[in-house]
Amino acid sequence: MTRTTDTVPTETGDARVTWYPAATPTLILAASHGAGGGIEARDLQALAATLPAHGVTVALVEQPWRVAGKKVAPAPKTLDTGWRGVWPALAEPGLPVIAGGRSAGARVACRTAKELGAAAVLALSFPLHPPGKPEKSRADELLGAGVPTLVVQGGNDPFGKPAEFPRPAAFQLVEVPYGDHGFAVPKRADVTQDEALAVITDAVVEWTGSLA
């Protein structure tokens, strides 16, 4: 797979964008990582490997704190500022951009989508609430995205199981059976890890096809 990496200055430091280009793209999926890992996450890598063949260029975004080698993510407002700083580089090719991310990155995408002119939001492992604290809901962030939104959620995600999500027409939700917050499935599950990842990629391929 041909890919290129760009360094993008932002107010909070240098971000990094790794591009996985489609031959004839109709959309760009820009996706960032969570607070506990980087773009090597299994779901982000699976999408980067799959979507270009379906006309979607994938841009995996590393927030400045990760590029700087820090271990702890900064406050949400700082994450939003870093994402805003990268957005002009994501939009520069002139194609509609889907704002995406996993976990904390999904929250950033939802909070800034309408403001930045995102065509849609892909929320992977949206952290609906802290583990064990369902009363501290972040549903307002998800419902406030203001653009077509796809949520892909593990069936055993401690940050919010699919049944805990509100059911408005504001977003679509796809469940990854047995998946945890990182979409890992236990060995005893009746789906393999590869099959779980295929649930994610198949759903996103179908959804992006409906947007193009």
Protein backbone atom coordinates (compact mmCIF):
# COMPACT_ATOMS: atom_id res chain seq x y z
CA MET A 1 0.00 0.00 0.00
CA THR A 2 1.38 3.39 -1.01
CA ARG A 3 1.18 5.91 1.77
CA THR A 4 2.63 9.30 2.59
CA THR A 5 3.05 11.15 5.86
CA ASP A 6 2.77 14.91 6.40
CA THR A 7 3.63 17.00 9.44
CA VAL A 8 1.02 19.71 10.07
CA PRO A 9 1.71 22.61 12.48
CA THR A 10 -1.14 23.49 14.86
CA GLU A 11 -1.56 25.82 17.83
CA THR A 12 -0.88 22.89 20.16
CA GLY A 13 2.18 21.54 18.34
CA ASP A 14 2.88 19.49 15.24
CA ALA A 15 0.32 16.89 14.22
CA ARG A 16 1.02 14.09 11.78
CA VAL A 17 -1.21 12.82 8.97
CA THR A 18 -0.61 9.47 7.28
CA TRP A 19 -2.44 9.22 3.95
CA TYR A 20 -3.71 6.00 2.41
CA PRO A 21 -4.91 7.21 -1.00
CA ALA A 22 -7.64 5.77 -3.18
CA ALA A 23 -6.88 5.67 -6.91
CA THR A 24 -10.02 7.65 -7.75
CA PRO A 25 -11.30 9.05 -4.46
CA THR A 26 -14.78 10.44 -3.91
CA LEU A 27 -14.44 10.95 -0.13
CA ILE A 28 -11.79 11.36 2.54
CA LEU A 29 -12.08 9.66 5.91
CA ALA A 30 -9.98 11.55 8.44
CA ALA A 31 -9.70 9.56 11.65
CA SER A 32 -7.83 10.13 14.88
CA HIS A 33 -6.90 7.87 17.77
CA GLY A 34 -8.05 7.66 21.36
CA ALA A 35 -6.48 8.83 24.61
CA GLY A 36 -4.77 5.51 25.29
CA GLY A 37 -3.19 4.64 21.95
CA GLY A 38 -2.26 5.78 18.47
CA ILE A 39 -3.14 5.14 14.86
CA GLU A 40 -1.87 1.57 15.13
CA ALA A 41 -5.28 0.64 16.63
CA ARG A 42 -6.69 -2.44 14.90
CA ASP A 43 -9.86 -0.72 13.67
CA LEU A 44 -8.05 2.29 12.19
CA GLN A 45 -5.53 0.06 10.43
CA ALA A 46 -8.28 -2.19 9.07
CA LEU A 47 -10.10 0.80 7.61
CA ALA A 48 -6.89 2.17 6.10
CA ALA A 49 -6.26 -1.18 4.45
CA THR A 50 -9.82 -1.60 3.13
CA LEU A 51 -11.41 1.72 2.20
CA PRO A 52 -9.05 2.96 -0.56
CA ALA A 53 -10.22 0.11 -2.82
CA HIS A 54 -13.73 1.51 -2.43
CA GLY A 55 -12.92 5.07 -3.45
CA VAL A 56 -12.26 6.48 0.02
CA THR A 57 -8.88 8.02 0.82
CA VAL A 58 -8.02 7.47 4.49
CA ALA A 59 -6.06 10.04 6.51
CA LEU A 60 -4.99 8.81 9.95
CA VAL A 61 -4.30 11.76 12.22
CA GLU A 62 -1.90 11.72 15.16
CA GLN A 63 -2.66 14.48 17.62
CA PRO A 64 0.25 16.74 18.67
CA TRP A 65 0.51 15.18 22.12
CA ARG A 66 1.18 11.78 20.55
CA VAL A 67 3.67 13.20 18.06
CA ALA A 68 5.49 14.84 20.97
CA GLY A 69 5.78 11.48 22.73
CA LYS A 70 3.56 12.35 25.69
CA LYS A 71 1.79 9.52 27.50
CA VAL A 72 -1.32 11.35 28.67
CA ALA A 73 -3.86 13.11 26.47
CA PRO A 74 -4.57 16.79 27.18
CA ALA A 75 -7.95 18.32 27.97
CA PRO A 76 -10.80 18.03 25.43
CA LYS A 77 -10.50 21.69 24.42
CA THR A 78 -6.83 21.15 23.54
CA LEU A 79 -7.71 18.07 21.50
CA ASP A 80 -10.32 20.09 19.62
CA THR A 81 -7.78 22.83 18.91
CA GLY A 82 -5.30 20.33 17.50
CA TRP A 83 -8.01 18.80 15.28
CA ARG A 84 -9.08 22.20 14.00
CA GLY A 85 -5.47 22.94 13.11
CA VAL A 86 -5.19 19.80 10.99
CA TRP A 87 -8.52 20.25 9.21
CA PRO A 88 -7.34 22.60 6.40
CA ALA A 89 -4.78 19.97 5.33
CA LEU A 90 -7.51 17.32 5.32
CA ALA A 91 -9.85 19.49 3.26
CA GLU A 92 -7.13 20.70 0.86
CA PRO A 93 -7.73 17.96 -1.77
CA GLY A 94 -11.20 19.45 -2.25
CA LEU A 95 -13.24 16.33 -1.49
CA PRO A 96 -15.94 15.88 1.17
CA VAL A 97 -14.29 14.91 4.46
CA ILE A 98 -15.76 12.50 6.98
CA ALA A 99 -14.58 13.39 10.48
CA GLY A 100 -13.77 10.21 12.35
CA GLY A 101 -11.99 8.80 15.30
CA ARG A 102 -12.00 6.18 17.97
CA SER A 103 -12.90 6.85 21.61
CA ALA A 104 -11.63 10.35 22.53
CA GLY A 105 -11.05 10.97 18.82
CA ALA A 106 -14.72 10.19 18.16
CA ARG A 107 -15.72 12.79 20.75
CA VAL A 108 -13.52 15.38 19.05
CA ALA A 109 -15.08 14.58 15.68
CA CYS A 110 -18.60 14.96 17.06
CA ARG A 111 -17.87 18.22 18.89
CA THR A 112 -16.34 19.93 15.86
CA ALA A 113 -18.10 18.37 12.85
CA LYS A 114 -20.66 21.04 12.11
CA GLU A 115 -18.26 23.91 12.76
CA LEU A 116 -15.62 22.50 10.40
CA GLY A 117 -18.02 21.50 7.65
CA ALA A 118 -17.54 17.74 7.92
CA ALA A 119 -19.67 15.72 5.52
CA ALA A 120 -20.36 13.08 8.20
CA VAL A 121 -18.95 11.55 11.40
CA LEU A 122 -17.62 8.05 11.98
CA ALA A 123 -17.53 7.34 15.72
CA LEU A 124 -15.60 4.19 16.61
CA SER A 125 -15.98 3.01 20.23
CA PHE A 126 -17.70 6.22 21.28
CA PRO A 127 -17.11 6.56 25.05
CA LEU A 128 -20.73 7.17 26.05
CA HIS A 129 -19.73 7.28 29.71
CA PRO A 130 -16.75 6.42 31.93
CA PRO A 131 -16.71 2.71 32.86
CA GLY A 132 -19.16 2.02 35.67
CA LYS A 133 -20.57 5.56 35.60
CA PRO A 134 -23.54 5.56 33.21
CA GLU A 135 -24.90 8.66 34.90
CA LYS A 136 -22.03 10.68 33.40
CA SER A 137 -23.39 10.45 29.86
CA ARG A 138 -21.77 12.11 26.86
CA ALA A 139 -24.76 11.48 24.63
CA ASP A 140 -25.16 15.22 24.03
CA GLU A 141 -21.84 15.29 22.16
CA LEU A 142 -22.95 12.47 19.88
CA LEU A 143 -26.42 13.88 19.31
CA GLY A 144 -24.97 17.33 18.68
CA ALA A 145 -22.77 16.31 15.74
CA GLY A 146 -25.32 17.77 13.32
CA VAL A 147 -24.26 15.61 10.34
CA PRO A 148 -24.89 11.98 9.29
CA THR A 149 -23.20 9.81 11.92
CA LEU A 150 -22.27 6.14 12.10
CA VAL A 151 -21.40 4.67 15.50
CA VAL A 152 -19.53 1.36 15.57
CA GLN A 153 -19.58 -0.08 19.08
CA GLY A 154 -18.32 -3.25 20.70
CA GLY A 155 -21.00 -5.41 22.29
CA ASN A 156 -19.01 -5.54 25.55
CA ASP A 157 -17.59 -2.02 25.58
CA PRO A 158 -17.39 -0.85 29.22
CA PHE A 159 -17.57 2.75 28.02
CA GLY A 160 -21.07 2.10 26.68
CA LYS A 161 -22.73 -1.02 25.33
CA PRO A 162 -24.92 -0.62 22.23
CA ALA A 163 -28.15 -1.04 24.22
CA GLU A 164 -27.22 1.97 26.37
CA PHE A 165 -27.20 4.38 23.44
CA PRO A 166 -30.19 6.61 22.74
CA ARG A 167 -32.16 5.59 19.68
CA PRO A 168 -32.93 8.77 17.77
CA ALA A 169 -32.72 9.15 14.01
CA ALA A 170 -29.59 11.27 14.54
CA PHE A 171 -27.18 8.38 13.99
CA GLN A 172 -26.83 4.77 12.88
CA LEU A 173 -25.31 2.17 15.17
CA VAL A 174 -23.52 -1.06 14.24
CA GLU A 175 -22.61 -3.57 16.94
CA VAL A 176 -19.41 -5.62 16.85
CA PRO A 177 -20.37 -8.82 18.71
CA TYR A 178 -18.35 -9.49 21.87
CA GLY A 179 -16.02 -6.56 21.13
CA ASP A 180 -14.46 -4.54 23.93
CA HIS A 181 -13.39 -0.89 23.73
CA GLY A 182 -10.58 -1.83 21.34
CA PHE A 183 -12.83 -4.25 19.41
CA ALA A 184 -10.88 -7.22 20.76
CA VAL A 185 -13.01 -10.35 21.05
CA PRO A 186 -12.35 -13.19 23.52
CA LYS A 187 -11.06 -16.49 22.15
CA ARG A 188 -14.19 -18.25 23.39
CA ALA A 189 -16.44 -16.02 21.27
CA ASP A 190 -18.17 -17.52 18.26
CA VAL A 191 -16.63 -14.84 16.02
CA THR A 192 -12.92 -14.56 15.27
CA GLN A 193 -10.92 -11.35 15.54
CA ASP A 194 -10.79 -11.12 11.75
CA GLU A 195 -14.56 -11.56 11.52
CA ALA A 196 -15.06 -8.81 14.10
CA LEU A 197 -12.90 -6.44 12.08
CA ALA A 198 -14.84 -7.39 8.96
CA VAL A 199 -18.04 -6.25 10.69
CA ILE A 200 -16.42 -2.83 11.06
CA THR A 201 -14.99 -2.54 7.56
CA ASP A 202 -18.11 -3.91 5.84
CA ALA A 203 -20.33 -1.47 7.72
CA VAL A 204 -18.12 1.51 6.92
CA VAL A 205 -17.79 0.54 3.25
CA GLU A 206 -21.57 0.33 2.94
CA TRP A 207 -22.10 3.59 4.82
CA THR A 208 -19.52 5.59 2.88
CA GLY A 209 -21.00 4.23 -0.33
CA SER A 210 -24.34 5.72 0.68
CA LEU A 211 -22.67 9.12 1.26
CA ALA A 212 -20.75 9.33 -2.02
